[in-house]
Amino acid sequence: MSRHFPLSEMQFSATATRLGLDNTCPQNLMANMVRVEEHLEEIRAHFGNKPVKVLSCYRSPAVNIAVAGSKNSAHRAALAVDFTIPGVPLIDIANWCGKSIEDADQVILEFDSWIHLGFTLGEPRKQLLTAIKDNGKTIYVLGFKGYKL
């Protein structure tokens, strides 16, 4: 694992802990997690080596169900990370990721609370989205809604 992102952090899930679910990343997905970590190191370096707080990377199938994640979530393949950088505006992080991480499949500013950075094993869609709640349902808006790009 990388210098700043230990395996324990990349597998951590508050939901798994609360519900007693196993969230151990299978060995065959570790290369995906390393890819994500390399990008997190790049993000950390760009933002002055400020600590990056990982909220979620790998999600086991049981954890993904428990958090009501998409059945096709890149988190299930250890190809996505939800994170923040305390003290750095989310829009700054989202804009930089969208412009600088060429193999990103998705950069999503989620609920004004964190950034979702997703990758794929195929051709990246290069989606820049905002996730918002509308009457209790998550909807995705093209671009970073409410922010100037």
Foldseek 3Di string as FASTA:
>chain_A
DDDQADQCQAQDAPLCVVVVHDRHDDPVLVVLLVVVVVVVVVLCVVVVVQRKRWHYFAGDPVRCVVVVHDPPDQNPSSFKTKIDRPPDQQVVSLVCCLPPVVQWQEWECEQSPTIMTGGDPDRRNSFYWYWHADPNDTDIDGHHPPDDD
